[in-house]
Amino acid sequence: MREQEIEEHDTFWLYVGGLVLAIVATIVIVKHSEDEKFSLIKQQLDEEVALMNIRVLN
């Protein structure tokens, strides 16, 4: 009986580790997707800053 409880305890931590890994992978994928989605807007903002960054010589 005790041997079966130890076996179940080991698979419990395996499931917990797998769940944590799946959650982290999901967060990384969503974050990467958001970066791709807003890359065009970021590029336009960078171009606008470059155009506004002019020197006024007197």
Protein backbone atom coordinates (compact mmCIF):
# COMPACT_ATOMS: atom_id res chain seq x y z
CA MET A 1 0.00 0.00 0.00
CA ARG A 2 2.77 2.42 0.96
CA GLU A 3 4.61 1.71 -2.31
CA GLN A 4 1.51 2.66 -4.33
CA GLU A 5 1.17 5.96 -2.44
CA ILE A 6 4.78 6.86 -3.22
CA GLU A 7 4.21 6.13 -6.91
CA GLU A 8 1.12 8.39 -6.98
CA HIS A 9 3.04 11.15 -5.19
CA ASP A 10 5.77 11.07 -7.86
CA THR A 11 3.29 11.35 -10.73
CA PHE A 12 1.57 14.23 -8.93
CA TRP A 13 4.75 16.34 -9.13
CA LEU A 14 5.20 15.28 -12.73
CA TYR A 15 1.71 16.60 -13.54
CA VAL A 16 2.39 19.82 -11.64
CA GLY A 17 5.63 20.33 -13.58
CA GLY A 18 3.88 19.68 -16.87
CA LEU A 19 1.12 22.12 -16.02
CA VAL A 20 3.61 24.84 -15.09
CA LEU A 21 5.53 24.23 -18.31
CA ALA A 22 2.31 24.48 -20.36
CA ILE A 23 1.31 27.75 -18.67
CA VAL A 24 4.75 29.29 -19.23
CA ALA A 25 4.74 28.20 -22.87
CA THR A 26 1.29 29.74 -23.37
CA ILE A 27 2.40 33.05 -21.87
CA VAL A 28 5.51 33.14 -24.09
CA ILE A 29 3.48 32.38 -27.24
CA VAL A 30 0.88 35.07 -26.44
CA LYS A 31 3.59 37.63 -25.67
CA HIS A 32 5.37 36.85 -28.95
CA SER A 33 2.07 37.16 -30.83
CA GLU A 34 1.45 40.58 -29.31
CA ASP A 35 4.92 41.74 -30.32
CA GLU A 36 4.23 40.73 -33.93
CA LYS A 37 0.82 42.38 -33.88
CA PHE A 38 2.17 45.76 -32.77
CA SER A 39 5.43 45.71 -34.76
CA LEU A 40 3.96 47.87 -37.56
CA ILE A 41 2.75 50.48 -35.07
CA LYS A 42 6.16 50.48 -33.36
CA GLN A 43 7.87 50.95 -36.72
CA GLN A 44 5.60 53.90 -37.55
CA LEU A 45 6.29 55.51 -34.16
CA ASP A 46 10.03 55.09 -34.67
CA GLU A 47 9.79 56.73 -38.10
CA GLU A 48 7.77 59.60 -36.63
CA VAL A 49 10.36 60.15 -33.90
CA ALA A 50 13.12 60.14 -36.54
CA LEU A 51 11.27 62.73 -38.60
CA MET A 52 10.62 64.93 -35.57
CA ASN A 53 14.23 64.68 -34.41
CA ILE A 54 15.60 67.62 -36.39
CA ARG A 55 18.04 70.27 -35.31
CA VAL A 56 17.14 73.93 -35.49
CA LEU A 57 20.16 76.00 -36.38
CA ASN A 58 20.12 79.73 -35.75
